[in-house]
Amino acid sequence: MRRTCLALAAGLLAGLAGCAANSISGSGSRYAQVFQGSISIVGESHEVTIQSGSKVPKLSILGEDVRVTIEPGAAVVKIEVAGDDNEIICPEGLNVEFATTGDDNKLIRR
């Protein structure tokens, strides 16, 4: 049952993420840039830094072992995560909506 729910959530997230202005897929990618528009990250072992000045209405992650750092001065409104062992580090004062499906996904405020 749990796998079925995770698969349904992943399918829904993947469908929604397909509309993202910034799409990262595969495995092992590293990005650090100012993003404008939604971000979709699909796959595993990515490292992404959302730099100051970014305006991201939605960050969607579908995968495992993805690390995202949101710098102070970047605006991210909503984060959706489906998968396991993903980590998002964001500034203490960033007001963000966070939804997750899977195991050991973390939103860390620093």
PDB file of N, CA and C in Angstrom:
ATOM      1  N   MET A   1       0.825  -1.195   0.000  1.00  0.00           N
ATOM      2  CA  MET A   1       0.000   0.000   0.000  1.00  0.00           C
ATOM      3  C   MET A   1       0.871   1.260   0.000  1.00  0.00           C
ATOM      4  N   ARG A   2       1.937   1.248   0.837  1.00  0.00           N
ATOM      5  CA  ARG A   2       2.804   2.417   0.921  1.00  0.00           C
ATOM      6  C   ARG A   2       3.463   2.690  -0.428  1.00  0.00           C
ATOM      7  N   ARG A   3       3.941   1.634  -1.094  1.00  0.00           N
ATOM      8  CA  ARG A   3       4.575   1.808  -2.407  1.00  0.00           C
ATOM      9  C   ARG A   3       3.579   2.331  -3.434  1.00  0.00           C
ATOM     10  N   THR A   4       2.341   1.876  -3.342  1.00  0.00           N
ATOM     11  CA  THR A   4       1.306   2.351  -4.262  1.00  0.00           C
ATOM     12  C   THR A   4       1.066   3.835  -4.063  1.00  0.00           C
ATOM     13  N   CYS A   5       0.966   4.266  -2.806  1.00  0.00           N
ATOM     14  CA  CYS A   5       0.765   5.695  -2.517  1.00  0.00           C
ATOM     15  C   CYS A   5       1.952   6.516  -2.989  1.00  0.00           C
ATOM     16  N   LEU A   6       3.174   5.994  -2.750  1.00  0.00           N
ATOM     17  CA  LEU A   6       4.368   6.705  -3.186  1.00  0.00           C
ATOM     18  C   LEU A   6       4.405   6.797  -4.706  1.00  0.00           C
ATOM     19  N   ALA A   7       4.046   5.720  -5.388  1.00  0.00           N
ATOM     20  CA  ALA A   7       4.030   5.730  -6.854  1.00  0.00           C
ATOM     21  C   ALA A   7       3.002   6.721  -7.391  1.00  0.00           C
ATOM     22  N   LEU A   8       1.822   6.767  -6.770  1.00  0.00           N
ATOM     23  CA  LEU A   8       0.803   7.733  -7.200  1.00  0.00           C
ATOM     24  C   LEU A   8       1.274   9.164  -6.976  1.00  0.00           C
ATOM     25  N   ALA A   9       1.869   9.425  -5.814  1.00  0.00           N
ATOM     26  CA  ALA A   9       2.377  10.769  -5.522  1.00  0.00           C
ATOM     27  C   ALA A   9       3.494  11.136  -6.490  1.00  0.00           C
ATOM     28  N   ALA A  10       4.370  10.188  -6.769  1.00  0.00           N
ATOM     29  CA  ALA A  10       5.468  10.445  -7.699  1.00  0.00           C
ATOM     30  C   ALA A  10       4.941  10.742  -9.096  1.00  0.00           C
ATOM     31  N   GLY A  11       3.940   9.982  -9.539  1.00  0.00           N
ATOM     32  CA  GLY A  11       3.348  10.233 -10.853  1.00  0.00           C
ATOM     33  C   GLY A  11       2.713  11.599 -10.952  1.00  0.00           C
ATOM     34  N   LEU A  12       1.996  11.985  -9.919  1.00  0.00           N
ATOM     35  CA  LEU A  12       1.361  13.296  -9.893  1.00  0.00           C
ATOM     36  C   LEU A  12       2.406  14.398  -9.890  1.00  0.00           C
ATOM     37  N   LEU A  13       3.423  14.236  -9.055  1.00  0.00           N
ATOM     38  CA  LEU A  13       4.486  15.231  -8.976  1.00  0.00           C
ATOM     39  C   LEU A  13       5.223  15.333 -10.298  1.00  0.00           C
ATOM     40  N   ALA A  14       5.494  14.201 -10.938  1.00  0.00           N
ATOM     41  CA  ALA A  14       6.195  14.215 -12.228  1.00  0.00           C
ATOM     42  C   ALA A  14       5.370  14.935 -13.285  1.00  0.00           C
ATOM     43  N   GLY A  15       4.070  14.727 -13.276  1.00  0.00           N
ATOM     44  CA  GLY A  15       3.195  15.411 -14.226  1.00  0.00           C
ATOM     45  C   GLY A  15       3.191  16.906 -14.021  1.00  0.00           C
ATOM     46  N   LEU A  16       3.135  17.315 -12.771  1.00  0.00           N
ATOM     47  CA  LEU A  16       3.148  18.740 -12.463  1.00  0.00           C
ATOM     48  C   LEU A  16       4.508  19.349 -12.721  1.00  0.00           C
ATOM     49  N   ALA A  17       5.559  18.595 -12.426  1.00  0.00           N
ATOM     50  CA  ALA A  17       6.914  19.110 -12.597  1.00  0.00           C
ATOM     51  C   ALA A  17       7.248  19.313 -14.069  1.00  0.00           C
ATOM     52  N   GLY A  18       6.578  18.614 -14.961  1.00  0.00           N
ATOM     53  CA  GLY A  18       6.844  18.754 -16.380  1.00  0.00           C
ATOM     54  C   GLY A  18       6.595  20.163 -16.891  1.00  0.00           C
ATOM     55  N   CYS A  19       5.863  20.968 -16.152  1.00  0.00           N
ATOM     56  CA  CYS A  19       5.563  22.339 -16.546  1.00  0.00           C
ATOM     57  C   CYS A  19       6.614  23.330 -16.036  1.00  0.00           C
ATOM     58  N   ALA A  20       7.627  22.848 -15.364  1.00  0.00           N
ATOM     59  CA  ALA A  20       8.612  23.731 -14.752  1.00  0.00           C
ATOM     60  C   ALA A  20       9.454  24.440 -15.810  1.00  0.00           C
ATOM     61  N   ALA A  21       9.816  25.685 -15.503  1.00  0.00           N
ATOM     62  CA  ALA A  21      10.658  26.468 -16.399  1.00  0.00           C
ATOM     63  C   ALA A  21      12.106  25.977 -16.364  1.00  0.00           C
ATOM     64  N   ASN A  22      12.529  25.413 -15.242  1.00  0.00           N
ATOM     65  CA  ASN A  22      13.895  24.936 -15.054  1.00  0.00           C
ATOM     66  C   ASN A  22      13.829  23.455 -14.696  1.00  0.00           C
ATOM     67  N   SER A  23      14.339  22.594 -15.568  1.00  0.00           N
ATOM     68  CA  SER A  23      14.229  21.153 -15.361  1.00  0.00           C
ATOM     69  C   SER A  23      15.619  20.534 -15.277  1.00  0.00           C
ATOM     70  N   ILE A  24      15.831  19.728 -14.230  1.00  0.00           N
ATOM     71  CA  ILE A  24      17.098  19.027 -14.018  1.00  0.00           C
ATOM     72  C   ILE A  24      16.757  17.550 -13.910  1.00  0.00           C
ATOM     73  N   SER A  25      17.414  16.702 -14.692  1.00  0.00           N
ATOM     74  CA  SER A  25      17.127  15.272 -14.633  1.00  0.00           C
ATOM     75  C   SER A  25      18.417  14.472 -14.749  1.00  0.00           C
ATOM     76  N   GLY A  26      18.287  13.169 -14.524  1.00  0.00           N
ATOM     77  CA  GLY A  26      19.445  12.291 -14.590  1.00  0.00           C
ATOM     78  C   GLY A  26      19.996  12.037 -13.204  1.00  0.00           C
ATOM     79  N   SER A  27      21.326  12.018 -13.102  1.00  0.00           N
ATOM     80  CA  SER A  27      21.933  11.819 -11.792  1.00  0.00           C
ATOM     81  C   SER A  27      23.266  12.549 -11.713  1.00  0.00           C
ATOM     82  N   GLY A  28      23.575  12.988 -10.507  1.00  0.00           N
ATOM     83  CA  GLY A  28      24.873  13.571 -10.229  1.00  0.00           C
ATOM     84  C   GLY A  28      25.119  14.971 -10.753  1.00  0.00           C
ATOM     85  N   SER A  29      24.092  15.719 -11.104  1.00  0.00           N
ATOM     86  CA  SER A  29      24.273  17.082 -11.616  1.00  0.00           C
ATOM     87  C   SER A  29      24.544  18.057 -10.486  1.00  0.00           C
ATOM     88  N   ARG A  30      25.285  19.111 -10.805  1.00  0.00           N
ATOM     89  CA  ARG A  30      25.548  20.190  -9.843  1.00  0.00           C
ATOM     90  C   ARG A  30      25.248  21.517 -10.516  1.00  0.00           C
ATOM     91  N   TYR A  31      24.372  22.283  -9.874  1.00  0.00           N
ATOM     92  CA  TYR A  31      23.987  23.589 -10.397  1.00  0.00           C
ATOM     93  C   TYR A  31      24.048  24.607  -9.273  1.00  0.00           C
ATOM     94  N   ALA A  32      24.499  25.808  -9.589  1.00  0.00           N
ATOM     95  CA  ALA A  32      24.438  26.944  -8.682  1.00  0.00           C
ATOM     96  C   ALA A  32      24.155  28.151  -9.560  1.00  0.00           C
ATOM     97  N   GLN A  33      22.938  28.698  -9.428  1.00  0.00           N
ATOM     98  CA  GLN A  33      22.578  29.825 -10.286  1.00  0.00           C
ATOM     99  C   GLN A  33      21.381  30.575  -9.720  1.00  0.00           C
ATOM    100  N   VAL A  34      21.099  31.711 -10.360  1.00  0.00           N
ATOM    101  CA  VAL A  34      19.887  32.469 -10.062  1.00  0.00           C
ATOM    102  C   VAL A  34      18.808  31.893 -10.973  1.00  0.00           C
ATOM    103  N   PHE A  35      17.744  31.356 -10.366  1.00  0.00           N
ATOM    104  CA  PHE A  35      16.639  30.756 -11.097  1.00  0.00           C
ATOM    105  C   PHE A  35      15.462  31.716 -11.145  1.00  0.00           C
ATOM    106  N   GLN A  36      14.769  31.738 -12.274  1.00  0.00           N
ATOM    107  CA  GLN A  36      13.525  32.483 -12.425  1.00  0.00           C
ATOM    108  C   GLN A  36      12.482  31.486 -12.912  1.00  0.00           C
ATOM    109  N   GLY A  37      11.445  31.241 -12.113  1.00  0.00           N
ATOM    110  CA  GLY A  37      10.420  30.273 -12.474  1.00  0.00           C
ATOM    111  C   GLY A  37      10.547  28.996 -11.667  1.00  0.00           C
ATOM    112  N   SER A  38       9.591  28.103 -11.848  1.00  0.00           N
ATOM    113  CA  SER A  38       9.567  26.844 -11.108  1.00  0.00           C
ATOM    114  C   SER A  38      10.746  25.955 -11.481  1.00  0.00           C
ATOM    115  N   ILE A  39      11.143  25.093 -10.534  1.00  0.00           N
ATOM    116  CA  ILE A  39      12.258  24.167 -10.736  1.00  0.00           C
ATOM    117  C   ILE A  39      11.753  22.748 -10.533  1.00  0.00           C
ATOM    118  N   SER A  40      12.109  21.863 -11.452  1.00  0.00           N
ATOM    119  CA  SER A  40      11.810  20.436 -11.348  1.00  0.00           C
ATOM    120  C   SER A  40      13.127  19.676 -11.320  1.00  0.00           C
ATOM    121  N   ILE A  41      13.319  18.864 -10.270  1.00  0.00           N
ATOM    122  CA  ILE A  41      14.519  18.042 -10.152  1.00  0.00           C
ATOM    123  C   ILE A  41      14.065  16.587 -10.103  1.00  0.00           C
ATOM    124  N   VAL A  42      14.502  15.803 -11.094  1.00  0.00           N
ATOM    125  CA  VAL A  42      14.127  14.399 -11.180  1.00  0.00           C
ATOM    126  C   VAL A  42      15.409  13.574 -11.271  1.00  0.00           C
ATOM    127  N   GLY A  43      15.510  12.537 -10.437  1.00  0.00           N
ATOM    128  CA  GLY A  43      16.682  11.672 -10.480  1.00  0.00           C
ATOM    129  C   GLY A  43      17.319  11.546  -9.122  1.00  0.00           C
ATOM    130  N   GLU A  44      18.635  11.306  -9.120  1.00  0.00           N
ATOM    131  CA  GLU A  44      19.304  11.070  -7.855  1.00  0.00           C
ATOM    132  C   GLU A  44      20.652  11.788  -7.783  1.00  0.00           C
ATOM    133  N   SER A  45      21.039  12.064  -6.555  1.00  0.00           N
ATOM    134  CA  SER A  45      22.365  12.598  -6.232  1.00  0.00           C
ATOM    135  C   SER A  45      22.671  13.945  -6.891  1.00  0.00           C
ATOM    136  N   HIS A  46      21.671  14.790  -7.036  1.00  0.00           N
ATOM    137  CA  HIS A  46      21.895  16.141  -7.548  1.00  0.00           C
ATOM    138  C   HIS A  46      22.256  17.073  -6.390  1.00  0.00           C
ATOM    139  N   GLU A  47      23.034  18.110  -6.699  1.00  0.00           N
ATOM    140  CA  GLU A  47      23.326  19.181  -5.749  1.00  0.00           C
ATOM    141  C   GLU A  47      22.978  20.496  -6.435  1.00  0.00           C
ATOM    142  N   VAL A  48      22.015  21.216  -5.862  1.00  0.00           N
ATOM    143  CA  VAL A  48      21.524  22.444  -6.484  1.00  0.00           C
ATOM    144  C   VAL A  48      21.561  23.569  -5.458  1.00  0.00           C
ATOM    145  N   THR A  49      22.108  24.711  -5.864  1.00  0.00           N
ATOM    146  CA  THR A  49      22.090  25.908  -5.034  1.00  0.00           C
ATOM    147  C   THR A  49      21.226  26.954  -5.724  1.00  0.00           C
ATOM    148  N   ILE A  50      20.182  27.378  -5.037  1.00  0.00           N
ATOM    149  CA  ILE A  50      19.306  28.439  -5.532  1.00  0.00           C
ATOM    150  C   ILE A  50      19.858  29.738  -4.962  1.00  0.00           C
ATOM    151  N   GLN A  51      20.480  30.522  -5.823  1.00  0.00           N
ATOM    152  CA  GLN A  51      21.212  31.695  -5.370  1.00  0.00           C
ATOM    153  C   GLN A  51      20.313  32.884  -5.069  1.00  0.00           C
ATOM    154  N   SER A  52      20.861  33.803  -4.301  1.00  0.00           N
ATOM    155  CA  SER A  52      20.183  35.045  -3.952  1.00  0.00           C
ATOM    156  C   SER A  52      19.701  35.750  -5.218  1.00  0.00           C
ATOM    157  N   GLY A  53      18.477  36.273  -5.180  1.00  0.00           N
ATOM    158  CA  GLY A  53      17.886  36.933  -6.337  1.00  0.00           C
ATOM    159  C   GLY A  53      16.960  36.021  -7.130  1.00  0.00           C
ATOM    160  N   SER A  54      16.951  34.729  -6.803  1.00  0.00           N
ATOM    161  CA  SER A  54      16.057  33.787  -7.479  1.00  0.00           C
ATOM    162  C   SER A  54      14.617  34.038  -7.066  1.00  0.00           C
ATOM    163  N   LYS A  55      13.690  33.782  -7.995  1.00  0.00           N
ATOM    164  CA  LYS A  55      12.252  33.855  -7.721  1.00  0.00           C
ATOM    165  C   LYS A  55      11.637  32.549  -8.207  1.00  0.00           C
ATOM    166  N   VAL A  56      11.367  31.649  -7.248  1.00  0.00           N
ATOM    167  CA  VAL A  56      10.921  30.292  -7.555  1.00  0.00           C
ATOM    168  C   VAL A  56       9.558  30.056  -6.906  1.00  0.00           C
ATOM    169  N   PRO A  57       8.476  30.028  -7.707  1.00  0.00           N
ATOM    170  CA  PRO A  57       7.166  29.772  -7.128  1.00  0.00           C
ATOM    171  C   PRO A  57       7.022  28.344  -6.597  1.00  0.00           C
ATOM    172  N   LYS A  58       7.685  27.373  -7.289  1.00  0.00           N
ATOM    173  CA  LYS A  58       7.581  25.992  -6.819  1.00  0.00           C
ATOM    174  C   LYS A  58       8.855  25.216  -7.148  1.00  0.00           C
ATOM    175  N   LEU A  59       9.345  24.491  -6.144  1.00  0.00           N
ATOM    176  CA  LEU A  59      10.463  23.567  -6.304  1.00  0.00           C
ATOM    177  C   LEU A  59       9.902  22.166  -6.143  1.00  0.00           C
ATOM    178  N   SER A  60      10.031  21.323  -7.182  1.00  0.00           N
ATOM    179  CA  SER A  60       9.545  19.949  -7.153  1.00  0.00           C
ATOM    180  C   SER A  60      10.726  19.004  -7.254  1.00  0.00           C
ATOM    181  N   ILE A  61      10.784  18.051  -6.323  1.00  0.00           N
ATOM    182  CA  ILE A  61      11.856  17.056  -6.322  1.00  0.00           C
ATOM    183  C   ILE A  61      11.217  15.677  -6.387  1.00  0.00           C
ATOM    184  N   LEU A  62      11.663  14.872  -7.345  1.00  0.00           N
ATOM    185  CA  LEU A  62      11.229  13.492  -7.475  1.00  0.00           C
ATOM    186  C   LEU A  62      12.492  12.653  -7.618  1.00  0.00           C
ATOM    187  N   GLY A  63      12.937  12.065  -6.508  1.00  0.00           N
ATOM    188  CA  GLY A  63      14.168  11.299  -6.578  1.00  0.00           C
ATOM    189  C   GLY A  63      14.713  10.969  -5.210  1.00  0.00           C
ATOM    190  N   GLU A  64      16.000  10.627  -5.203  1.00  0.00           N
ATOM    191  CA  GLU A  64      16.669  10.231  -3.980  1.00  0.00           C
ATOM    192  C   GLU A  64      18.003  10.949  -3.859  1.00  0.00           C
ATOM    193  N   ASP A  65      18.366  11.237  -2.622  1.00  0.00           N
ATOM    194  CA  ASP A  65      19.672  11.815  -2.302  1.00  0.00           C
ATOM    195  C   ASP A  65      19.924  13.130  -3.051  1.00  0.00           C
ATOM    196  N   VAL A  66      18.896  13.963  -3.134  1.00  0.00           N
ATOM    197  CA  VAL A  66      19.016  15.284  -3.757  1.00  0.00           C
ATOM    198  C   VAL A  66      19.273  16.304  -2.654  1.00  0.00           C
ATOM    199  N   ARG A  67      20.242  17.185  -2.855  1.00  0.00           N
ATOM    200  CA  ARG A  67      20.578  18.225  -1.891  1.00  0.00           C
ATOM    201  C   ARG A  67      20.341  19.586  -2.534  1.00  0.00           C
ATOM    202  N   VAL A  68      19.494  20.388  -1.915  1.00  0.00           N
ATOM    203  CA  VAL A  68      19.212  21.733  -2.413  1.00  0.00           C
ATOM    204  C   VAL A  68      19.515  22.727  -1.309  1.00  0.00           C
ATOM    205  N   THR A  69      20.261  23.766  -1.643  1.00  0.00           N
ATOM    206  CA  THR A  69      20.544  24.854  -0.719  1.00  0.00           C
ATOM    207  C   THR A  69      19.899  26.117  -1.268  1.00  0.00           C
ATOM    208  N   ILE A  70      19.095  26.756  -0.453  1.00  0.00           N
ATOM    209  CA  ILE A  70      18.463  28.023  -0.823  1.00  0.00           C
ATOM    210  C   ILE A  70      19.201  29.120  -0.086  1.00  0.00           C
ATOM    211  N   GLU A  71      19.819  30.020  -0.837  1.00  0.00           N
ATOM    212  CA  GLU A  71      20.593  31.100  -0.218  1.00  0.00           C
ATOM    213  C   GLU A  71      19.682  32.203   0.313  1.00  0.00           C
ATOM    214  N   PRO A  72      20.147  32.933   1.329  1.00  0.00           N
ATOM    215  CA  PRO A  72      19.404  34.110   1.780  1.00  0.00           C
ATOM    216  C   PRO A  72      19.219  35.078   0.603  1.00  0.00           C
ATOM    217  N   GLY A  73      18.038  35.648   0.506  1.00  0.00           N
ATOM    218  CA  GLY A  73      17.740  36.565  -0.590  1.00  0.00           C
ATOM    219  C   GLY A  73      17.067  35.891  -1.767  1.00  0.00           C
ATOM    220  N   ALA A  74      16.936  34.565  -1.731  1.00  0.00           N
ATOM    221  CA  ALA A  74      16.192  33.837  -2.760  1.00  0.00           C
ATOM    222  C   ALA A  74      14.761  33.653  -2.270  1.00  0.00           C
ATOM    223  N   ALA A  75      13.802  33.728  -3.189  1.00  0.00           N
ATOM    224  CA  ALA A  75      12.387  33.548  -2.837  1.00  0.00           C
ATOM    225  C   ALA A  75      11.906  32.211  -3.397  1.00  0.00           C
ATOM    226  N   VAL A  76      11.485  31.315  -2.496  1.00  0.00           N
ATOM    227  CA  VAL A  76      10.880  30.041  -2.867  1.00  0.00           C
ATOM    228  C   VAL A  76       9.582  29.940  -2.093  1.00  0.00           C
ATOM    229  N   VAL A  77       8.471  29.707  -2.786  1.00  0.00           N
ATOM    230  CA  VAL A  77       7.156  29.717  -2.149  1.00  0.00           C
ATOM    231  C   VAL A  77       6.735  28.329  -1.690  1.00  0.00           C
ATOM    232  N   LYS A  78       6.917  27.318  -2.546  1.00  0.00           N
ATOM    233  CA  LYS A  78       6.411  25.982  -2.252  1.00  0.00           C
ATOM    234  C   LYS A  78       7.456  24.939  -2.631  1.00  0.00           C
ATOM    235  N   ILE A  79       7.600  23.920  -1.771  1.00  0.00           N
ATOM    236  CA  ILE A  79       8.512  22.807  -2.042  1.00  0.00           C
ATOM    237  C   ILE A  79       7.717  21.513  -1.922  1.00  0.00           C
ATOM    238  N   GLU A  80       7.770  20.680  -2.972  1.00  0.00           N
ATOM    239  CA  GLU A  80       7.130  19.371  -2.967  1.00  0.00           C
ATOM    240  C   GLU A  80       8.202  18.322  -3.220  1.00  0.00           C
ATOM    241  N   VAL A  81       8.248  17.302  -2.358  1.00  0.00           N
ATOM    242  CA  VAL A  81       9.272  16.269  -2.461  1.00  0.00           C
ATOM    243  C   VAL A  81       8.615  14.895  -2.469  1.00  0.00           C
ATOM    244  N   ALA A  82       8.993  14.061  -3.436  1.00  0.00           N
ATOM    245  CA  ALA A  82       8.586  12.654  -3.473  1.00  0.00           C
ATOM    246  C   ALA A  82       9.848  11.835  -3.674  1.00  0.00           C
ATOM    247  N   GLY A  83      10.122  10.950  -2.746  1.00  0.00           N
ATOM    248  CA  GLY A  83      11.336  10.145  -2.807  1.00  0.00           C
ATOM    249  C   GLY A  83      11.905   9.970  -1.418  1.00  0.00           C
ATOM    250  N   ASP A  84      13.162   9.571  -1.352  1.00  0.00           N
ATOM    251  CA  ASP A  84      13.790   9.286  -0.068  1.00  0.00           C
ATOM    252  C   ASP A  84      15.128  10.009   0.065  1.00  0.00           C
ATOM    253  N   ASP A  85      15.466  10.352   1.306  1.00  0.00           N
ATOM    254  CA  ASP A  85      16.778  10.900   1.666  1.00  0.00           C
ATOM    255  C   ASP A  85      17.129  12.189   0.922  1.00  0.00           C
ATOM    256  N   ASN A  86      16.166  13.070   0.746  1.00  0.00           N
ATOM    257  CA  ASN A  86      16.406  14.367   0.133  1.00  0.00           C
ATOM    258  C   ASN A  86      16.543  15.416   1.226  1.00  0.00           C
ATOM    259  N   GLU A  87      17.333  16.448   0.956  1.00  0.00           N
ATOM    260  CA  GLU A  87      17.602  17.473   1.968  1.00  0.00           C
ATOM    261  C   GLU A  87      17.529  18.854   1.334  1.00  0.00           C
ATOM    262  N   ILE A  88      16.749  19.726   1.937  1.00  0.00           N
ATOM    263  CA  ILE A  88      16.644  21.104   1.493  1.00  0.00           C
ATOM    264  C   ILE A  88      17.076  21.983   2.650  1.00  0.00           C
ATOM    265  N   ILE A  89      18.069  22.824   2.418  1.00  0.00           N
ATOM    266  CA  ILE A  89      18.551  23.762   3.428  1.00  0.00           C
ATOM    267  C   ILE A  89      18.080  25.144   3.017  1.00  0.00           C
ATOM    268  N   CYS A  90      17.385  25.833   3.932  1.00  0.00           N
ATOM    269  CA  CYS A  90      16.873  27.159   3.602  1.00  0.00           C
ATOM    270  C   CYS A  90      17.136  28.124   4.756  1.00  0.00           C
ATOM    271  N   PRO A  91      17.104  29.417   4.451  1.00  0.00           N
ATOM    272  CA  PRO A  91      17.314  30.416   5.495  1.00  0.00           C
ATOM    273  C   PRO A  91      16.224  30.335   6.572  1.00  0.00           C
ATOM    274  N   GLU A  92      16.589  30.650   7.776  1.00  0.00           N
ATOM    275  CA  GLU A  92      15.678  30.594   8.924  1.00  0.00           C
ATOM    276  C   GLU A  92      14.398  31.380   8.678  1.00  0.00           C
ATOM    277  N   GLY A  93      14.483  32.541   8.067  1.00  0.00           N
ATOM    278  CA  GLY A  93      13.321  33.408   7.904  1.00  0.00           C
ATOM    279  C   GLY A  93      12.476  33.162   6.664  1.00  0.00           C
ATOM    280  N   LEU A  94      12.840  32.182   5.838  1.00  0.00           N
ATOM    281  CA  LEU A  94      12.085  31.931   4.613  1.00  0.00           C
ATOM    282  C   LEU A  94      10.778  31.219   4.942  1.00  0.00           C
ATOM    283  N   ASN A  95       9.664  31.842   4.574  1.00  0.00           N
ATOM    284  CA  ASN A  95       8.346  31.256   4.795  1.00  0.00           C
ATOM    285  C   ASN A  95       7.994  30.427   3.565  1.00  0.00           C
ATOM    286  N   VAL A  96       8.050  29.093   3.705  1.00  0.00           N
ATOM    287  CA  VAL A  96       7.854  28.206   2.570  1.00  0.00           C
ATOM    288  C   VAL A  96       6.865  27.107   2.948  1.00  0.00           C
ATOM    289  N   GLU A  97       6.014  26.742   1.990  1.00  0.00           N
ATOM    290  CA  GLU A  97       5.093  25.621   2.170  1.00  0.00           C
ATOM    291  C   GLU A  97       5.852  24.350   1.777  1.00  0.00           C
ATOM    292  N   PHE A  98       5.845  23.332   2.658  1.00  0.00           N
ATOM    293  CA  PHE A  98       6.638  22.115   2.443  1.00  0.00           C
ATOM    294  C   PHE A  98       5.756  20.882   2.518  1.00  0.00           C
ATOM    295  N   ALA A  99       5.756  20.069   1.460  1.00  0.00           N
ATOM    296  CA  ALA A  99       4.997  18.814   1.435  1.00  0.00           C
ATOM    297  C   ALA A  99       5.938  17.702   0.984  1.00  0.00           C
ATOM    298  N   THR A 100       5.864  16.555   1.670  1.00  0.00           N
ATOM    299  CA  THR A 100       6.773  15.467   1.341  1.00  0.00           C
ATOM    300  C   THR A 100       6.083  14.118   1.376  1.00  0.00           C
ATOM    301  N   THR A 101       6.527  13.233   0.485  1.00  0.00           N
ATOM    302  CA  THR A 101       6.119  11.838   0.467  1.00  0.00           C
ATOM    303  C   THR A 101       7.397  11.017   0.368  1.00  0.00           C
ATOM    304  N   GLY A 102       7.561  10.065   1.259  1.00  0.00           N
ATOM    305  CA  GLY A 102       8.769   9.241   1.254  1.00  0.00           C
ATOM    306  C   GLY A 102       9.416   9.256   2.615  1.00  0.00           C
ATOM    307  N   ASP A 103      10.609   8.681   2.690  1.00  0.00           N
ATOM    308  CA  ASP A 103      11.320   8.540   3.960  1.00  0.00           C
ATOM    309  C   ASP A 103      12.528   9.466   4.025  1.00  0.00           C
ATOM    310  N   ASP A 104      12.740  10.010   5.206  1.00  0.00           N
ATOM    311  CA  ASP A 104      13.943  10.786   5.536  1.00  0.00           C
ATOM    312  C   ASP A 104      14.170  12.000   4.646  1.00  0.00           C
ATOM    313  N   ASN A 105      13.105  12.668   4.235  1.00  0.00           N
ATOM    314  CA  ASN A 105      13.227  13.951   3.543  1.00  0.00           C
ATOM    315  C   ASN A 105      13.243  15.044   4.595  1.00  0.00           C
ATOM    316  N   LYS A 106      14.173  15.998   4.457  1.00  0.00           N
ATOM    317  CA  LYS A 106      14.364  16.991   5.510  1.00  0.00           C
ATOM    318  C   LYS A 106      14.346  18.415   4.952  1.00  0.00           C
ATOM    319  N   LEU A 107      13.697  19.294   5.693  1.00  0.00           N
ATOM    320  CA  LEU A 107      13.796  20.736   5.466  1.00  0.00           C
ATOM    321  C   LEU A 107      14.560  21.279   6.656  1.00  0.00           C
ATOM    322  N   ILE A 108      15.763  21.777   6.407  1.00  0.00           N
ATOM    323  CA  ILE A 108      16.645  22.258   7.464  1.00  0.00           C
ATOM    324  C   ILE A 108      16.738  23.772   7.365  1.00  0.00           C
ATOM    325  N   ARG A 109      16.479  24.427   8.466  1.00  0.00           N
ATOM    326  CA  ARG A 109      16.543  25.901   8.501  1.00  0.00           C
ATOM    327  C   ARG A 109      17.840  26.330   9.178  1.00  0.00           C
ATOM    328  N   ARG A 110      18.569  27.202   8.488  1.00  0.00           N
ATOM    329  CA  ARG A 110      19.839  27.719   9.036  1.00  0.00           C
ATOM    330  C   ARG A 110      19.912  29.195   8.875  1.00  0.00           C
TER     331      ARG A 110
END
